[in-house]
Amino acid sequence: MWTSFPGRGGESPPRPRRPHPVRGPTAASRGCRPSRPGLALVARGARAPSAWRTRAGIAVADILVGVLLLAVVATSIAWVVTRTARAEEEQHARDPLTAALFAREIQELAMRLGTAPSGPPATRASEIVNLDTLDGAVFSPPIDSERQTVLASRLWKQCVRVSRYDRFDLTRPVSNDYGTGEPTGDNLFRLSVDVWLGETYMGTWWWWLNP
């Protein structure tokens, strides 16, 4: 037997609809594409510098700083040395007595030397033998009468010349230098010493020698 329910035209009643579940906002509703974790990690890895590049950059920076410090130290040392030398030069330039004393040291040494030819001009105190070895000699640092180098006065310089004259004619030398041949008893010697302080000419001192 068929059972019928009230309805229109004998139709079955409508089935109740299921309620739709409420969902939160989706990526599409937010107007953006869904993220891909793999791509994000790759992007972050590309932006981060690698460890070896960081260490290399630090090493290069250390080297540059070291070179800069060395340059500053070298410049400072050169400046101090220059200032010290200039101060010493200026100090002695105001004291001509020091130049005269260095010239006198050569004169006292020459008075004890012989006149026989003994060799070329001396380049150091140990090469001084006789008077002829003083002609054309230059001593810097200067020397004293005992043939010792005065290291504390390294800026000073002695330039020595020895000329031979006939004692009966002192207006002109027998030769402009010591001359060749054995000096005779009729000869006198003129000793000249030019003294310099750095590039400053301090004067010339000269004496007649009669060995």
N, C-alpha and C. Protein backbone atom coordinates (compact mmCIF):
# COMPACT_ATOMS: atom_id res chain seq x y z
N MET A 1 0.87 -1.17 0.00
CA MET A 1 0.00 0.00 0.00
C MET A 1 0.90 1.21 0.00
N TRP A 2 0.58 2.10 -0.74
CA TRP A 2 1.33 3.36 -0.84
C TRP A 2 0.83 4.36 0.18
N THR A 3 1.77 5.00 0.78
CA THR A 3 1.43 6.06 1.75
C THR A 3 1.78 7.38 1.14
N SER A 4 0.91 8.27 1.15
CA SER A 4 1.16 9.59 0.53
C SER A 4 1.14 10.65 1.61
N PHE A 5 1.84 11.72 1.33
CA PHE A 5 1.91 12.89 2.22
C PHE A 5 1.31 14.05 1.51
N PRO A 6 0.79 14.97 2.25
CA PRO A 6 0.19 16.11 1.59
C PRO A 6 1.22 16.84 0.77
N GLY A 7 0.86 17.20 -0.33
CA GLY A 7 1.77 17.94 -1.19
C GLY A 7 1.10 18.37 -2.45
N ARG A 8 1.92 18.95 -3.27
CA ARG A 8 1.38 19.45 -4.52
C ARG A 8 1.50 18.38 -5.55
N GLY A 9 0.33 18.00 -6.05
CA GLY A 9 0.29 17.04 -7.15
C GLY A 9 0.87 15.72 -6.76
N GLY A 10 0.80 15.39 -5.52
CA GLY A 10 1.29 14.09 -5.10
C GLY A 10 2.79 13.98 -5.05
N GLU A 11 3.53 15.14 -5.10
CA GLU A 11 5.01 15.11 -5.08
C GLU A 11 5.50 14.86 -3.66
N SER A 12 6.64 14.31 -3.57
CA SER A 12 7.29 14.09 -2.27
C SER A 12 7.80 15.41 -1.70
N PRO A 13 7.83 15.54 -0.41
CA PRO A 13 8.34 16.81 0.18
C PRO A 13 9.83 17.00 -0.11
N PRO A 14 10.26 18.26 -0.22
CA PRO A 14 11.70 18.53 -0.53
C PRO A 14 12.61 18.11 0.61
N ARG A 15 13.78 17.66 0.20
CA ARG A 15 14.79 17.27 1.21
C ARG A 15 15.45 18.53 1.83
N PRO A 16 15.70 18.45 3.09
CA PRO A 16 16.38 19.62 3.71
C PRO A 16 17.82 19.76 3.21
N ARG A 17 18.23 21.03 3.01
CA ARG A 17 19.59 21.30 2.52
C ARG A 17 20.58 21.33 3.69
N ARG A 18 21.76 20.80 3.33
CA ARG A 18 22.83 20.83 4.34
C ARG A 18 23.48 22.23 4.41
N PRO A 19 23.72 22.70 5.61
CA PRO A 19 24.38 24.03 5.70
C PRO A 19 25.82 23.97 5.21
N HIS A 20 26.21 25.02 4.48
CA HIS A 20 27.59 25.09 3.98
C HIS A 20 28.54 25.43 5.12
N PRO A 21 29.70 24.75 5.19
CA PRO A 21 30.69 25.09 6.26
C PRO A 21 31.30 26.46 6.01
N VAL A 22 31.53 27.18 7.10
CA VAL A 22 32.15 28.52 7.01
C VAL A 22 33.65 28.37 6.98
N ARG A 23 34.23 28.86 5.95
CA ARG A 23 35.70 28.78 5.79
C ARG A 23 36.32 30.17 5.93
N GLY A 24 37.58 30.16 6.35
CA GLY A 24 38.31 31.42 6.47
C GLY A 24 38.74 31.95 5.12
N PRO A 25 39.33 33.12 5.10
CA PRO A 25 39.79 33.70 3.83
C PRO A 25 40.88 32.87 3.20
N THR A 26 40.76 32.66 1.94
CA THR A 26 41.74 31.88 1.19
C THR A 26 42.78 32.79 0.57
N ALA A 27 43.80 32.15 0.02
CA ALA A 27 44.86 32.93 -0.64
C ALA A 27 44.31 33.67 -1.82
N ALA A 28 43.34 33.03 -2.54
CA ALA A 28 42.78 33.69 -3.71
C ALA A 28 41.98 34.90 -3.32
N SER A 29 41.20 34.75 -2.15
CA SER A 29 40.39 35.89 -1.72
C SER A 29 41.26 37.03 -1.24
N ARG A 30 42.48 36.70 -0.75
CA ARG A 30 43.37 37.78 -0.32
C ARG A 30 44.08 38.45 -1.48
N GLY A 31 43.93 37.94 -2.65
CA GLY A 31 44.54 38.56 -3.83
C GLY A 31 45.99 38.22 -4.03
N CYS A 32 46.44 37.09 -3.52
CA CYS A 32 47.84 36.70 -3.70
C CYS A 32 47.89 35.23 -4.01
N ARG A 33 49.03 34.85 -4.54
CA ARG A 33 49.22 33.46 -4.90
C ARG A 33 49.69 32.67 -3.70
N PRO A 34 49.38 31.41 -3.71
CA PRO A 34 49.86 30.59 -2.59
C PRO A 34 51.38 30.51 -2.59
N SER A 35 51.93 30.60 -1.39
CA SER A 35 53.40 30.58 -1.27
C SER A 35 53.93 29.17 -1.47
N ARG A 36 55.22 29.14 -1.94
CA ARG A 36 55.89 27.87 -2.13
C ARG A 36 57.10 27.83 -1.20
N PRO A 37 57.06 27.03 -0.20
CA PRO A 37 58.17 27.02 0.77
C PRO A 37 59.52 26.79 0.13
N GLY A 38 59.60 25.96 -0.86
CA GLY A 38 60.88 25.67 -1.51
C GLY A 38 61.48 26.90 -2.17
N LEU A 39 60.62 27.67 -2.90
CA LEU A 39 61.12 28.86 -3.57
C LEU A 39 61.56 29.91 -2.56
N ALA A 40 60.85 30.03 -1.46
CA ALA A 40 61.21 31.02 -0.44
C ALA A 40 62.57 30.71 0.16
N LEU A 41 62.83 29.45 0.42
CA LEU A 41 64.12 29.07 0.96
C LEU A 41 65.25 29.36 -0.02
N VAL A 42 65.00 29.08 -1.29
CA VAL A 42 66.02 29.34 -2.31
C VAL A 42 66.32 30.83 -2.39
N ALA A 43 65.25 31.65 -2.35
CA ALA A 43 65.45 33.09 -2.43
C ALA A 43 66.24 33.61 -1.24
N ARG A 44 65.88 33.12 -0.05
CA ARG A 44 66.61 33.56 1.13
C ARG A 44 68.07 33.11 1.07
N GLY A 45 68.33 31.92 0.59
CA GLY A 45 69.70 31.44 0.47
C GLY A 45 70.52 32.25 -0.53
N ALA A 46 69.87 32.75 -1.60
CA ALA A 46 70.59 33.53 -2.59
C ALA A 46 70.98 34.89 -2.05
N ARG A 47 70.15 35.47 -1.16
CA ARG A 47 70.46 36.78 -0.63
C ARG A 47 71.52 36.74 0.47
N ALA A 48 71.65 35.66 1.21
CA ALA A 48 72.61 35.58 2.31
C ALA A 48 74.02 35.31 1.76
N PRO A 49 75.04 36.09 2.14
CA PRO A 49 76.41 35.84 1.66
C PRO A 49 76.96 34.56 2.24
N SER A 50 77.82 33.92 1.47
CA SER A 50 78.42 32.68 1.94
C SER A 50 79.50 32.98 2.96
N ALA A 51 79.87 31.95 3.73
CA ALA A 51 80.83 32.13 4.82
C ALA A 51 82.22 32.50 4.30
N TRP A 52 82.66 31.86 3.20
CA TRP A 52 84.02 32.14 2.71
C TRP A 52 84.14 33.54 2.16
N ARG A 53 83.05 34.05 1.57
CA ARG A 53 83.10 35.44 1.09
C ARG A 53 83.21 36.41 2.26
N THR A 54 82.52 36.14 3.32
CA THR A 54 82.60 37.00 4.50
C THR A 54 84.01 37.01 5.09
N ARG A 55 84.61 35.82 5.21
CA ARG A 55 85.97 35.75 5.75
C ARG A 55 86.96 36.44 4.84
N ALA A 56 86.81 36.28 3.53
CA ALA A 56 87.72 36.94 2.58
C ALA A 56 87.60 38.46 2.68
N GLY A 57 86.38 38.96 2.83
CA GLY A 57 86.20 40.40 2.97
C GLY A 57 86.86 40.94 4.21
N ILE A 58 86.74 40.20 5.32
CA ILE A 58 87.37 40.63 6.57
C ILE A 58 88.89 40.63 6.44
N ALA A 59 89.44 39.59 5.77
CA ALA A 59 90.89 39.52 5.60
C ALA A 59 91.41 40.68 4.77
N VAL A 60 90.72 41.01 3.69
CA VAL A 60 91.14 42.13 2.84
C VAL A 60 91.08 43.44 3.62
N ALA A 61 90.04 43.61 4.42
CA ALA A 61 89.93 44.83 5.24
C ALA A 61 91.07 44.93 6.24
N ASP A 62 91.45 43.80 6.86
CA ASP A 62 92.57 43.80 7.81
C ASP A 62 93.87 44.19 7.12
N ILE A 63 94.09 43.65 5.92
CA ILE A 63 95.32 43.97 5.18
C ILE A 63 95.39 45.46 4.85
N LEU A 64 94.27 46.00 4.39
CA LEU A 64 94.24 47.43 4.06
C LEU A 64 94.51 48.30 5.28
N VAL A 65 93.93 47.93 6.40
CA VAL A 65 94.17 48.70 7.63
C VAL A 65 95.63 48.61 8.05
N GLY A 66 96.23 47.41 7.92
CA GLY A 66 97.64 47.24 8.27
C GLY A 66 98.56 48.08 7.39
N VAL A 67 98.30 48.07 6.08
CA VAL A 67 99.12 48.88 5.16
C VAL A 67 98.98 50.36 5.48
N LEU A 68 97.78 50.79 5.79
CA LEU A 68 97.56 52.20 6.14
C LEU A 68 98.31 52.58 7.40
N LEU A 69 98.30 51.70 8.41
CA LEU A 69 99.02 51.99 9.65
C LEU A 69 100.52 52.06 9.42
N LEU A 70 101.06 51.14 8.60
CA LEU A 70 102.48 51.18 8.30
C LEU A 70 102.87 52.47 7.59
N ALA A 71 102.04 52.91 6.66
CA ALA A 71 102.33 54.16 5.95
C ALA A 71 102.33 55.34 6.91
N VAL A 72 101.37 55.35 7.84
CA VAL A 72 101.31 56.45 8.82
C VAL A 72 102.54 56.44 9.72
N VAL A 73 102.96 55.25 10.17
CA VAL A 73 104.14 55.16 11.05
C VAL A 73 105.39 55.59 10.31
N ALA A 74 105.57 55.13 9.05
CA ALA A 74 106.75 55.51 8.28
C ALA A 74 106.80 57.02 8.04
N THR A 75 105.65 57.61 7.74
CA THR A 75 105.60 59.06 7.53
C THR A 75 105.95 59.81 8.81
N SER A 76 105.47 59.32 9.93
CA SER A 76 105.76 59.98 11.21
C SER A 76 107.25 59.90 11.54
N ILE A 77 107.86 58.73 11.31
CA ILE A 77 109.29 58.58 11.59
C ILE A 77 110.11 59.51 10.70
N ALA A 78 109.78 59.55 9.41
CA ALA A 78 110.51 60.43 8.49
C ALA A 78 110.37 61.89 8.91
N TRP A 79 109.19 62.27 9.36
CA TRP A 79 108.97 63.65 9.79
C TRP A 79 109.81 63.98 11.01
N VAL A 80 109.87 63.05 11.97
CA VAL A 80 110.65 63.28 13.19
C VAL A 80 112.14 63.40 12.86
N VAL A 81 112.65 62.50 11.99
CA VAL A 81 114.07 62.54 11.62
C VAL A 81 114.40 63.85 10.91
N THR A 82 113.53 64.27 10.00
CA THR A 82 113.77 65.52 9.28
C THR A 82 113.77 66.70 10.22
N ARG A 83 112.81 66.73 11.13
CA ARG A 83 112.73 67.84 12.08
C ARG A 83 113.95 67.87 12.99
N THR A 84 114.41 66.70 13.42
CA THR A 84 115.58 66.64 14.30
C THR A 84 116.83 67.13 13.59
N ALA A 85 117.03 66.65 12.35
CA ALA A 85 118.20 67.08 11.58
C ALA A 85 118.15 68.58 11.31
N ARG A 86 116.98 69.08 10.97
CA ARG A 86 116.86 70.51 10.69
C ARG A 86 117.10 71.34 11.94
N ALA A 87 116.61 70.86 13.09
CA ALA A 87 116.83 71.60 14.33
C ALA A 87 118.31 71.63 14.69
N GLU A 88 119.00 70.47 14.48
CA GLU A 88 120.44 70.43 14.76
C GLU A 88 121.19 71.36 13.82
N GLU A 89 120.80 71.35 12.55
CA GLU A 89 121.46 72.21 11.58
C GLU A 89 121.26 73.68 11.91
N GLU A 90 120.05 74.05 12.29
CA GLU A 90 119.79 75.44 12.63
C GLU A 90 120.52 75.86 13.90
N GLN A 91 120.63 74.92 14.83
CA GLN A 91 121.31 75.24 16.07
C GLN A 91 122.79 75.53 15.83
N HIS A 92 123.46 74.67 15.05
CA HIS A 92 124.89 74.87 14.80
C HIS A 92 125.14 76.01 13.83
N ALA A 93 124.16 76.30 12.96
CA ALA A 93 124.36 77.40 12.03
C ALA A 93 124.48 78.73 12.77
N ARG A 94 123.94 78.81 13.96
CA ARG A 94 124.06 80.02 14.76
C ARG A 94 125.34 80.03 15.57
N ASP A 95 126.18 78.98 15.42
CA ASP A 95 127.40 78.88 16.20
C ASP A 95 128.59 78.63 15.26
N PRO A 96 129.14 79.68 14.64
CA PRO A 96 130.26 79.48 13.71
C PRO A 96 131.51 78.94 14.39
N LEU A 97 131.58 79.02 15.70
CA LEU A 97 132.75 78.49 16.39
C LEU A 97 132.91 77.00 16.16
N THR A 98 131.79 76.28 16.06
CA THR A 98 131.86 74.84 15.81
C THR A 98 132.54 74.56 14.47
N ALA A 99 132.21 75.31 13.43
CA ALA A 99 132.85 75.13 12.12
C ALA A 99 134.35 75.40 12.21
N ALA A 100 134.74 76.44 12.94
CA ALA A 100 136.16 76.75 13.09
C ALA A 100 136.91 75.64 13.82
N LEU A 101 136.26 75.04 14.80
CA LEU A 101 136.89 73.94 15.53
C LEU A 101 137.12 72.73 14.64
N PHE A 102 136.16 72.41 13.76
CA PHE A 102 136.35 71.28 12.85
C PHE A 102 137.49 71.56 11.87
N ALA A 103 137.64 72.80 11.43
CA ALA A 103 138.77 73.14 10.56
C ALA A 103 140.08 73.02 11.31
N ARG A 104 140.08 73.45 12.56
CA ARG A 104 141.30 73.40 13.37
C ARG A 104 141.74 71.96 13.62
N GLU A 105 140.80 71.03 13.71
CA GLU A 105 141.17 69.62 13.89
C GLU A 105 142.03 69.13 12.73
N ILE A 106 141.68 69.52 11.52
CA ILE A 106 142.47 69.11 10.35
C ILE A 106 143.84 69.76 10.38
N GLN A 107 143.91 71.02 10.78
CA GLN A 107 145.20 71.71 10.84
C GLN A 107 146.14 71.05 11.85
N GLU A 108 145.64 70.69 13.01
CA GLU A 108 146.48 70.03 14.02
C GLU A 108 146.94 68.66 13.53
N LEU A 109 146.09 67.96 12.80
CA LEU A 109 146.49 66.67 12.24
C LEU A 109 147.56 66.85 11.17
N ALA A 110 147.40 67.84 10.30
CA ALA A 110 148.34 68.05 9.19
C ALA A 110 149.73 68.41 9.69
N MET A 111 149.82 69.10 10.81
CA MET A 111 151.12 69.52 11.32
C MET A 111 151.98 68.33 11.75
N ARG A 112 151.41 67.18 11.94
CA ARG A 112 152.16 66.00 12.37
C ARG A 112 152.46 65.04 11.22
N LEU A 113 152.09 65.42 10.01
CA LEU A 113 152.27 64.52 8.86
C LEU A 113 153.54 64.87 8.09
N GLY A 114 154.07 63.86 7.41
CA GLY A 114 155.24 64.07 6.58
C GLY A 114 154.86 64.63 5.22
N THR A 115 155.90 64.93 4.41
CA THR A 115 155.67 65.54 3.10
C THR A 115 155.93 64.60 1.94
N ALA A 116 156.45 63.42 2.20
CA ALA A 116 156.75 62.49 1.12
C ALA A 116 155.46 61.99 0.48
N PRO A 117 155.44 61.87 -0.87
CA PRO A 117 154.23 61.33 -1.53
C PRO A 117 153.91 59.93 -0.99
N SER A 118 152.62 59.69 -0.69
CA SER A 118 152.26 58.41 -0.07
C SER A 118 151.00 57.79 -0.64
N GLY A 119 150.29 58.48 -1.54
CA GLY A 119 149.10 57.84 -2.08
C GLY A 119 148.02 58.82 -2.47
N PRO A 120 146.88 58.29 -2.91
CA PRO A 120 145.76 59.14 -3.34
C PRO A 120 145.07 59.79 -2.15
N PRO A 121 144.13 60.70 -2.40
CA PRO A 121 143.39 61.33 -1.29
C PRO A 121 142.66 60.30 -0.45
N ALA A 122 142.67 60.52 0.84
CA ALA A 122 142.02 59.60 1.77
C ALA A 122 140.51 59.73 1.67
N THR A 123 139.83 58.62 1.77
CA THR A 123 138.37 58.61 1.80
C THR A 123 137.84 58.36 3.21
N ARG A 124 138.75 57.96 4.11
CA ARG A 124 138.41 57.77 5.51
C ARG A 124 139.65 58.07 6.35
N ALA A 125 139.46 58.24 7.63
CA ALA A 125 140.56 58.67 8.50
C ALA A 125 141.70 57.67 8.51
N SER A 126 141.40 56.38 8.40
CA SER A 126 142.44 55.35 8.47
C SER A 126 143.37 55.39 7.26
N GLU A 127 143.01 56.07 6.18
CA GLU A 127 143.84 56.12 4.98
C GLU A 127 144.78 57.31 4.95
N ILE A 128 144.76 58.14 5.98
CA ILE A 128 145.66 59.30 6.04
C ILE A 128 147.06 58.82 6.40
N VAL A 129 148.02 59.11 5.53
CA VAL A 129 149.40 58.70 5.76
C VAL A 129 150.29 59.93 5.87
N ASN A 130 150.44 60.67 4.78
CA ASN A 130 151.22 61.90 4.78
C ASN A 130 150.35 63.05 4.30
N LEU A 131 150.99 64.19 4.13
CA LEU A 131 150.25 65.40 3.80
C LEU A 131 149.51 65.29 2.48
N ASP A 132 150.09 64.56 1.53
CA ASP A 132 149.47 64.48 0.20
C ASP A 132 148.13 63.74 0.24
N THR A 133 147.94 62.87 1.23
CA THR A 133 146.67 62.14 1.31
C THR A 133 145.53 63.01 1.83
N LEU A 134 145.85 64.21 2.30
CA LEU A 134 144.80 65.15 2.69
C LEU A 134 144.30 65.98 1.52
N ASP A 135 145.12 66.12 0.48
CA ASP A 135 144.73 66.97 -0.64
C ASP A 135 143.57 66.33 -1.41
N GLY A 136 142.41 67.00 -1.40
CA GLY A 136 141.22 66.47 -2.07
C GLY A 136 140.38 65.55 -1.22
N ALA A 137 140.77 65.37 0.05
CA ALA A 137 140.01 64.48 0.93
C ALA A 137 138.74 65.18 1.43
N VAL A 138 137.68 64.38 1.59
CA VAL A 138 136.41 64.87 2.13
C VAL A 138 136.01 63.92 3.25
N PHE A 139 135.71 64.50 4.42
CA PHE A 139 135.34 63.69 5.57
C PHE A 139 133.95 64.10 6.06
N SER A 140 133.02 63.16 5.95
CA SER A 140 131.65 63.38 6.42
C SER A 140 131.09 62.04 6.89
N PRO A 141 130.91 61.87 8.19
CA PRO A 141 131.08 62.80 9.30
C PRO A 141 132.52 63.27 9.44
N PRO A 142 132.73 64.38 10.12
CA PRO A 142 134.08 64.94 10.23
C PRO A 142 134.97 64.09 11.12
N ILE A 143 136.26 64.41 11.08
CA ILE A 143 137.24 63.71 11.92
C ILE A 143 137.92 64.71 12.82
N ASP A 144 138.58 64.20 13.86
CA ASP A 144 139.34 65.06 14.74
C ASP A 144 140.82 64.88 14.49
N SER A 145 141.63 65.54 15.28
CA SER A 145 143.08 65.52 15.07
C SER A 145 143.69 64.16 15.38
N GLU A 146 142.95 63.29 16.04
CA GLU A 146 143.44 61.94 16.36
C GLU A 146 142.94 60.91 15.34
N ARG A 147 142.41 61.39 14.23
CA ARG A 147 141.89 60.53 13.15
C ARG A 147 140.69 59.69 13.61
N GLN A 148 139.93 60.23 14.50
CA GLN A 148 138.72 59.56 14.97
C GLN A 148 137.50 60.25 14.35
N THR A 149 136.54 59.45 13.88
CA THR A 149 135.33 60.00 13.28
C THR A 149 134.38 60.52 14.37
N VAL A 150 133.88 61.73 14.15
CA VAL A 150 132.95 62.35 15.11
C VAL A 150 131.53 62.01 14.66
N LEU A 151 131.04 60.87 15.09
CA LEU A 151 129.74 60.38 14.63
C LEU A 151 128.59 61.26 15.11
N ALA A 152 128.76 61.93 16.24
CA ALA A 152 127.67 62.76 16.76
C ALA A 152 127.40 63.98 15.90
N SER A 153 128.33 64.32 14.99
CA SER A 153 128.17 65.50 14.13
C SER A 153 128.10 65.07 12.67
N ARG A 154 127.20 64.15 12.39
CA ARG A 154 127.14 63.54 11.06
C ARG A 154 126.73 64.53 9.98
N LEU A 155 126.15 65.68 10.36
CA LEU A 155 125.73 66.65 9.35
C LEU A 155 126.88 67.52 8.86
N TRP A 156 128.00 67.49 9.55
CA TRP A 156 129.14 68.33 9.19
C TRP A 156 130.03 67.64 8.16
N LYS A 157 130.77 68.47 7.40
CA LYS A 157 131.66 67.93 6.36
C LYS A 157 132.90 68.80 6.25
N GLN A 158 134.07 68.15 6.13
CA GLN A 158 135.35 68.84 5.95
C GLN A 158 135.88 68.53 4.55
N CYS A 159 136.17 69.56 3.77
CA CYS A 159 136.77 69.41 2.45
C CYS A 159 138.16 70.04 2.49
N VAL A 160 139.19 69.22 2.22
CA VAL A 160 140.57 69.64 2.45
C VAL A 160 141.30 69.80 1.12
N ARG A 161 142.12 70.86 1.06
CA ARG A 161 142.99 71.08 -0.09
C ARG A 161 144.39 71.42 0.41
N VAL A 162 145.40 70.93 -0.29
CA VAL A 162 146.80 71.23 0.05
C VAL A 162 147.50 71.68 -1.23
N SER A 163 148.06 72.89 -1.20
CA SER A 163 148.78 73.43 -2.36
C SER A 163 150.23 73.69 -1.96
N ARG A 164 151.14 73.48 -2.91
CA ARG A 164 152.57 73.64 -2.63
C ARG A 164 153.07 74.94 -3.25
N TYR A 165 153.83 75.73 -2.48
CA TYR A 165 154.34 77.01 -2.93
C TYR A 165 155.86 77.04 -2.79
N ASP A 166 156.44 77.88 -3.58
CA ASP A 166 157.86 78.22 -3.40
C ASP A 166 157.92 79.30 -2.33
N ARG A 167 158.75 79.08 -1.32
CA ARG A 167 158.78 80.01 -0.20
C ARG A 167 159.22 81.42 -0.60
N PHE A 168 159.85 81.53 -1.77
CA PHE A 168 160.28 82.84 -2.23
C PHE A 168 159.26 83.50 -3.15
N ASP A 169 158.17 82.82 -3.40
CA ASP A 169 157.10 83.38 -4.24
C ASP A 169 155.77 82.79 -3.77
N LEU A 170 155.14 83.48 -2.85
CA LEU A 170 153.88 82.98 -2.28
C LEU A 170 152.66 83.52 -3.00
N THR A 171 152.88 84.17 -4.15
CA THR A 171 151.75 84.72 -4.89
C THR A 171 151.05 83.67 -5.74
N ARG A 172 151.76 82.64 -6.09
CA ARG A 172 151.15 81.59 -6.91
C ARG A 172 151.74 80.24 -6.51
N PRO A 173 150.94 79.21 -6.53
CA PRO A 173 151.43 77.89 -6.11
C PRO A 173 152.30 77.25 -7.19
N VAL A 174 153.17 76.38 -6.75
CA VAL A 174 153.93 75.57 -7.69
C VAL A 174 152.97 74.70 -8.49
N SER A 175 151.91 74.25 -7.84
CA SER A 175 150.83 73.51 -8.50
C SER A 175 149.55 73.77 -7.71
N ASN A 176 148.41 73.62 -8.39
CA ASN A 176 147.14 73.88 -7.73
C ASN A 176 146.80 72.81 -6.70
N ASP A 177 147.45 71.66 -6.84
CA ASP A 177 147.25 70.62 -5.83
C ASP A 177 148.59 70.36 -5.15
N TYR A 178 148.69 69.23 -4.51
CA TYR A 178 149.92 68.92 -3.79
C TYR A 178 151.11 68.87 -4.74
N GLY A 179 150.87 68.45 -5.98
CA GLY A 179 151.94 68.40 -6.97
C GLY A 179 152.64 67.06 -6.97
N THR A 180 153.40 66.84 -8.01
CA THR A 180 154.15 65.59 -8.14
C THR A 180 155.60 65.84 -7.80
N GLY A 181 156.29 64.79 -7.52
CA GLY A 181 157.70 64.90 -7.19
C GLY A 181 157.92 65.16 -5.71
N GLU A 182 159.16 65.00 -5.29
CA GLU A 182 159.51 65.15 -3.88
C GLU A 182 159.62 66.63 -3.53
N PRO A 183 158.88 67.08 -2.49
CA PRO A 183 159.00 68.48 -2.07
C PRO A 183 160.43 68.77 -1.59
N THR A 184 160.83 69.99 -1.79
CA THR A 184 162.17 70.42 -1.39
C THR A 184 162.07 71.33 -0.17
N GLY A 185 163.23 71.70 0.38
CA GLY A 185 163.25 72.57 1.54
C GLY A 185 162.79 73.97 1.23
N ASP A 186 162.66 74.29 -0.06
CA ASP A 186 162.22 75.63 -0.44
C ASP A 186 160.70 75.71 -0.60
N ASN A 187 160.00 74.67 -0.20
CA ASN A 187 158.55 74.63 -0.37
C ASN A 187 157.82 74.95 0.93
N LEU A 188 156.71 75.66 0.79
CA LEU A 188 155.73 75.83 1.85
C LEU A 188 154.41 75.24 1.38
N PHE A 189 153.57 74.87 2.31
CA PHE A 189 152.30 74.24 1.96
C PHE A 189 151.16 75.07 2.54
N ARG A 190 150.18 75.28 1.69
CA ARG A 190 148.98 75.99 2.15
C ARG A 190 147.86 74.97 2.34
N LEU A 191 147.39 74.88 3.57
CA LEU A 191 146.31 73.96 3.92
C LEU A 191 145.01 74.76 4.00
N SER A 192 144.00 74.34 3.22
CA SER A 192 142.68 74.99 3.23
C SER A 192 141.62 73.97 3.61
N VAL A 193 140.73 74.37 4.48
CA VAL A 193 139.65 73.48 4.93
C VAL A 193 138.32 74.21 4.76
N ASP A 194 137.47 73.68 3.88
CA ASP A 194 136.10 74.19 3.73
C ASP A 194 135.20 73.36 4.65
N VAL A 195 134.38 74.05 5.41
CA VAL A 195 133.48 73.36 6.36
C VAL A 195 132.05 73.61 5.92
N TRP A 196 131.29 72.52 5.87
CA TRP A 196 129.88 72.57 5.47
C TRP A 196 129.03 71.97 6.57
N LEU A 197 127.84 72.52 6.70
CA LEU A 197 126.82 71.96 7.58
C LEU A 197 125.61 71.63 6.73
N GLY A 198 125.48 70.35 6.38
CA GLY A 198 124.45 69.97 5.43
C GLY A 198 124.74 70.63 4.09
N GLU A 199 123.81 71.44 3.59
CA GLU A 199 124.00 72.17 2.34
C GLU A 199 124.43 73.62 2.58
N THR A 200 124.76 73.94 3.82
CA THR A 200 125.14 75.31 4.18
C THR A 200 126.65 75.43 4.27
N TYR A 201 127.22 76.35 3.49
CA TYR A 201 128.66 76.60 3.53
C TYR A 201 128.96 77.48 4.74
N MET A 202 129.81 76.98 5.63
CA MET A 202 130.10 77.69 6.87
C MET A 202 131.36 78.54 6.79
N GLY A 203 132.24 78.28 5.83
CA GLY A 203 133.44 79.11 5.71
C GLY A 203 134.67 78.29 5.37
N THR A 204 135.75 79.01 5.08
CA THR A 204 137.04 78.39 4.74
C THR A 204 138.10 78.93 5.70
N TRP A 205 138.91 78.01 6.20
CA TRP A 205 140.03 78.37 7.06
C TRP A 205 141.31 77.82 6.42
N TRP A 206 142.41 78.60 6.49
CA TRP A 206 143.63 78.13 5.86
C TRP A 206 144.85 78.54 6.70
N TRP A 207 145.95 77.77 6.50
CA TRP A 207 147.19 77.99 7.24
C TRP A 207 148.37 77.70 6.32
N TRP A 208 149.52 78.34 6.65
CA TRP A 208 150.78 77.98 6.01
C TRP A 208 151.46 76.92 6.85
N LEU A 209 151.93 75.87 6.19
CA LEU A 209 152.65 74.81 6.88
C LEU A 209 154.09 74.76 6.41
N ASN A 210 155.00 74.64 7.35
CA ASN A 210 156.40 74.52 7.02
C ASN A 210 156.97 73.29 7.71
N PRO A 211 156.71 72.13 7.12
CA PRO A 211 157.10 70.87 7.76
C PRO A 211 158.62 70.78 7.94
